[in-house]
Amino acid sequence: MTEMQRTMTSLTKDQLKAVKLLAAELDVPVSVVMRALISHSLDLLGASDAGIRRALDAAVAAERDRRSEIGRQGMAARWGEKP
């Protein structure tokens, strides 16, 4: 049996809703759907799938933007400026 490890990740409300709906439709736990989706995506990445690469690039850019905004808000709060 493959050794398993837990991880946590944030999903948008729409993403979580879609995963839960799929899990309910298949009558399996959400964790099974998540593992299957991740496994499939990793297989596609190994096959140099351009779509998954674009999705990864977009996710990285969105996370960078999100963190930058948090940093700007933190600095504004620290120095008494309004965001």
N, C-alpha and C. Protein backbone atom coordinates (compact mmCIF):
# COMPACT_ATOMS: atom_id res chain seq x y z
N MET A 1 0.84 -1.18 0.00
CA MET A 1 0.00 0.00 0.00
C MET A 1 0.89 1.24 0.00
N THR A 2 0.51 2.23 -0.77
CA THR A 2 1.26 3.48 -0.85
C THR A 2 1.09 4.26 0.44
N GLU A 3 2.21 4.80 0.93
CA GLU A 3 2.15 5.62 2.14
C GLU A 3 1.41 6.92 1.82
N MET A 4 0.50 7.28 2.68
CA MET A 4 -0.31 8.49 2.47
C MET A 4 0.13 9.57 3.45
N GLN A 5 0.02 10.82 3.02
CA GLN A 5 0.26 11.96 3.89
C GLN A 5 -0.87 12.95 3.67
N ARG A 6 -1.20 13.67 4.72
CA ARG A 6 -2.27 14.67 4.62
C ARG A 6 -1.68 16.01 4.21
N THR A 7 -2.51 16.77 3.51
CA THR A 7 -2.15 18.13 3.15
C THR A 7 -3.42 18.97 3.18
N MET A 8 -3.24 20.25 3.28
CA MET A 8 -4.39 21.16 3.28
C MET A 8 -4.20 22.15 2.14
N THR A 9 -5.30 22.49 1.52
CA THR A 9 -5.26 23.49 0.47
C THR A 9 -6.56 24.29 0.48
N SER A 10 -6.48 25.48 0.00
CA SER A 10 -7.68 26.32 -0.08
C SER A 10 -8.28 26.19 -1.47
N LEU A 11 -9.60 26.08 -1.51
CA LEU A 11 -10.34 26.04 -2.77
C LEU A 11 -11.34 27.18 -2.77
N THR A 12 -11.70 27.61 -3.96
CA THR A 12 -12.78 28.59 -4.04
C THR A 12 -14.09 27.88 -3.68
N LYS A 13 -15.10 28.64 -3.36
CA LYS A 13 -16.40 28.04 -3.05
C LYS A 13 -16.92 27.23 -4.23
N ASP A 14 -16.73 27.76 -5.43
CA ASP A 14 -17.19 27.06 -6.63
C ASP A 14 -16.44 25.75 -6.85
N GLN A 15 -15.13 25.76 -6.61
CA GLN A 15 -14.34 24.54 -6.77
C GLN A 15 -14.79 23.48 -5.77
N LEU A 16 -14.97 23.88 -4.52
CA LEU A 16 -15.39 22.93 -3.50
C LEU A 16 -16.78 22.38 -3.80
N LYS A 17 -17.66 23.25 -4.26
CA LYS A 17 -19.01 22.81 -4.62
C LYS A 17 -18.96 21.77 -5.73
N ALA A 18 -18.14 22.03 -6.75
CA ALA A 18 -18.02 21.10 -7.87
C ALA A 18 -17.47 19.75 -7.42
N VAL A 19 -16.46 19.78 -6.55
CA VAL A 19 -15.88 18.53 -6.05
C VAL A 19 -16.90 17.76 -5.22
N LYS A 20 -17.63 18.47 -4.37
CA LYS A 20 -18.64 17.81 -3.53
C LYS A 20 -19.76 17.21 -4.38
N LEU A 21 -20.18 17.94 -5.41
CA LEU A 21 -21.23 17.43 -6.30
C LEU A 21 -20.76 16.17 -7.02
N LEU A 22 -19.53 16.18 -7.50
CA LEU A 22 -18.99 15.01 -8.18
C LEU A 22 -18.89 13.83 -7.22
N ALA A 23 -18.43 14.09 -6.01
CA ALA A 23 -18.33 13.02 -5.00
C ALA A 23 -19.71 12.44 -4.71
N ALA A 24 -20.71 13.29 -4.58
CA ALA A 24 -22.07 12.81 -4.31
C ALA A 24 -22.60 12.00 -5.49
N GLU A 25 -22.33 12.49 -6.69
CA GLU A 25 -22.78 11.79 -7.90
C GLU A 25 -22.16 10.39 -7.99
N LEU A 26 -20.89 10.28 -7.62
CA LEU A 26 -20.18 9.01 -7.69
C LEU A 26 -20.35 8.17 -6.43
N ASP A 27 -20.94 8.78 -5.39
CA ASP A 27 -21.13 8.13 -4.10
C ASP A 27 -19.80 7.67 -3.50
N VAL A 28 -18.85 8.60 -3.50
CA VAL A 28 -17.53 8.36 -2.91
C VAL A 28 -17.17 9.57 -2.04
N PRO A 29 -16.21 9.40 -1.12
CA PRO A 29 -15.78 10.55 -0.31
C PRO A 29 -15.11 11.63 -1.17
N VAL A 30 -15.20 12.85 -0.71
CA VAL A 30 -14.56 13.97 -1.39
C VAL A 30 -13.06 13.72 -1.55
N SER A 31 -12.44 13.11 -0.55
CA SER A 31 -11.00 12.86 -0.61
C SER A 31 -10.63 11.96 -1.79
N VAL A 32 -11.50 11.02 -2.13
CA VAL A 32 -11.23 10.13 -3.27
C VAL A 32 -11.26 10.93 -4.57
N VAL A 33 -12.23 11.81 -4.70
CA VAL A 33 -12.32 12.66 -5.89
C VAL A 33 -11.09 13.55 -5.99
N MET A 34 -10.69 14.15 -4.87
CA MET A 34 -9.52 15.03 -4.88
C MET A 34 -8.26 14.27 -5.31
N ARG A 35 -8.05 13.08 -4.74
CA ARG A 35 -6.87 12.29 -5.10
C ARG A 35 -6.89 11.91 -6.58
N ALA A 36 -8.06 11.54 -7.08
CA ALA A 36 -8.17 11.16 -8.49
C ALA A 36 -7.88 12.35 -9.41
N LEU A 37 -8.41 13.51 -9.06
CA LEU A 37 -8.17 14.70 -9.87
C LEU A 37 -6.70 15.10 -9.85
N ILE A 38 -6.08 15.02 -8.69
CA ILE A 38 -4.66 15.36 -8.59
C ILE A 38 -3.82 14.36 -9.37
N SER A 39 -4.12 13.08 -9.22
CA SER A 39 -3.38 12.05 -9.94
C SER A 39 -3.49 12.25 -11.45
N HIS A 40 -4.70 12.51 -11.92
CA HIS A 40 -4.92 12.74 -13.35
C HIS A 40 -4.16 13.98 -13.83
N SER A 41 -4.21 15.03 -13.06
CA SER A 41 -3.50 16.27 -13.44
C SER A 41 -2.00 16.04 -13.50
N LEU A 42 -1.47 15.30 -12.53
CA LEU A 42 -0.03 15.02 -12.54
C LEU A 42 0.35 14.17 -13.75
N ASP A 43 -0.51 13.23 -14.12
CA ASP A 43 -0.26 12.44 -15.33
C ASP A 43 -0.23 13.33 -16.56
N LEU A 44 -1.16 14.28 -16.64
CA LEU A 44 -1.19 15.21 -17.77
C LEU A 44 0.06 16.08 -17.81
N LEU A 45 0.49 16.52 -16.64
CA LEU A 45 1.68 17.35 -16.57
C LEU A 45 2.88 16.58 -17.10
N GLY A 46 2.96 15.31 -16.75
CA GLY A 46 4.05 14.47 -17.25
C GLY A 46 4.01 14.31 -18.76
N ALA A 47 2.83 14.43 -19.33
CA ALA A 47 2.67 14.29 -20.78
C ALA A 47 2.81 15.65 -21.48
N SER A 48 3.28 16.65 -20.77
CA SER A 48 3.48 18.00 -21.31
C SER A 48 2.19 18.59 -21.87
N ASP A 49 1.10 18.41 -21.15
CA ASP A 49 -0.19 18.95 -21.57
C ASP A 49 -0.17 20.47 -21.42
N ALA A 50 -0.41 21.18 -22.50
CA ALA A 50 -0.36 22.64 -22.48
C ALA A 50 -1.47 23.24 -21.63
N GLY A 51 -2.63 22.60 -21.58
CA GLY A 51 -3.75 23.11 -20.80
C GLY A 51 -3.45 23.13 -19.32
N ILE A 52 -2.86 22.05 -18.81
CA ILE A 52 -2.54 22.00 -17.38
C ILE A 52 -1.43 23.00 -17.06
N ARG A 53 -0.52 23.19 -17.99
CA ARG A 53 0.55 24.18 -17.77
C ARG A 53 -0.04 25.58 -17.68
N ARG A 54 -0.99 25.89 -18.54
CA ARG A 54 -1.65 27.21 -18.48
C ARG A 54 -2.41 27.37 -17.17
N ALA A 55 -3.08 26.30 -16.74
CA ALA A 55 -3.81 26.36 -15.47
C ALA A 55 -2.86 26.58 -14.30
N LEU A 56 -1.72 25.92 -14.32
CA LEU A 56 -0.73 26.11 -13.26
C LEU A 56 -0.18 27.53 -13.27
N ASP A 57 0.15 28.03 -14.45
CA ASP A 57 0.67 29.39 -14.56
C ASP A 57 -0.35 30.41 -14.06
N ALA A 58 -1.62 30.21 -14.40
CA ALA A 58 -2.68 31.12 -13.94
C ALA A 58 -2.85 31.05 -12.43
N ALA A 59 -2.77 29.84 -11.87
CA ALA A 59 -2.90 29.69 -10.42
C ALA A 59 -1.74 30.35 -9.69
N VAL A 60 -0.54 30.22 -10.22
CA VAL A 60 0.63 30.85 -9.61
C VAL A 60 0.50 32.37 -9.66
N ALA A 61 0.08 32.90 -10.80
CA ALA A 61 -0.09 34.35 -10.94
C ALA A 61 -1.17 34.87 -9.99
N ALA A 62 -2.28 34.14 -9.88
CA ALA A 62 -3.36 34.57 -8.98
C ALA A 62 -2.90 34.55 -7.53
N GLU A 63 -2.14 33.54 -7.15
CA GLU A 63 -1.64 33.46 -5.77
C GLU A 63 -0.64 34.58 -5.49
N ARG A 64 0.20 34.87 -6.45
CA ARG A 64 1.17 35.96 -6.30
C ARG A 64 0.43 37.29 -6.12
N ASP A 65 -0.60 37.52 -6.92
CA ASP A 65 -1.40 38.74 -6.80
C ASP A 65 -2.09 38.82 -5.44
N ARG A 66 -2.64 37.69 -5.00
CA ARG A 66 -3.34 37.65 -3.72
C ARG A 66 -2.39 37.98 -2.57
N ARG A 67 -1.21 37.38 -2.59
CA ARG A 67 -0.23 37.64 -1.53
C ARG A 67 0.29 39.07 -1.57
N SER A 68 0.47 39.60 -2.76
CA SER A 68 0.91 40.99 -2.88
C SER A 68 -0.11 41.94 -2.28
N GLU A 69 -1.38 41.68 -2.54
CA GLU A 69 -2.44 42.53 -1.99
C GLU A 69 -2.47 42.44 -0.47
N ILE A 70 -2.30 41.24 0.07
CA ILE A 70 -2.25 41.08 1.53
C ILE A 70 -1.07 41.87 2.09
N GLY A 71 0.06 41.81 1.42
CA GLY A 71 1.23 42.57 1.86
C GLY A 71 0.99 44.07 1.82
N ARG A 72 0.36 44.55 0.74
CA ARG A 72 0.05 45.97 0.63
C ARG A 72 -0.88 46.41 1.75
N GLN A 73 -1.90 45.61 2.03
CA GLN A 73 -2.84 45.94 3.09
C GLN A 73 -2.14 45.93 4.45
N GLY A 74 -1.26 44.98 4.66
CA GLY A 74 -0.53 44.91 5.93
C GLY A 74 0.37 46.12 6.13
N MET A 75 1.07 46.52 5.08
CA MET A 75 1.95 47.68 5.19
C MET A 75 1.14 48.96 5.38
N ALA A 76 0.01 49.05 4.70
CA ALA A 76 -0.84 50.23 4.87
C ALA A 76 -1.35 50.30 6.31
N ALA A 77 -1.74 49.16 6.87
CA ALA A 77 -2.21 49.14 8.26
C ALA A 77 -1.07 49.47 9.21
N ARG A 78 0.10 48.98 8.91
CA ARG A 78 1.28 49.21 9.77
C ARG A 78 1.65 50.68 9.81
N TRP A 79 1.58 51.33 8.67
CA TRP A 79 2.02 52.71 8.58
C TRP A 79 0.86 53.70 8.59
N GLY A 80 -0.34 53.23 8.89
CA GLY A 80 -1.48 54.12 9.06
C GLY A 80 -2.07 54.66 7.78
N GLU A 81 -1.79 54.01 6.67
CA GLU A 81 -2.35 54.46 5.40
C GLU A 81 -3.61 53.67 5.11
N LYS A 82 -4.51 54.29 4.39
CA LYS A 82 -5.72 53.59 3.98
C LYS A 82 -5.45 52.89 2.65
N PRO A 83 -5.87 51.61 2.55
CA PRO A 83 -5.62 50.86 1.30
C PRO A 83 -6.40 51.39 0.13
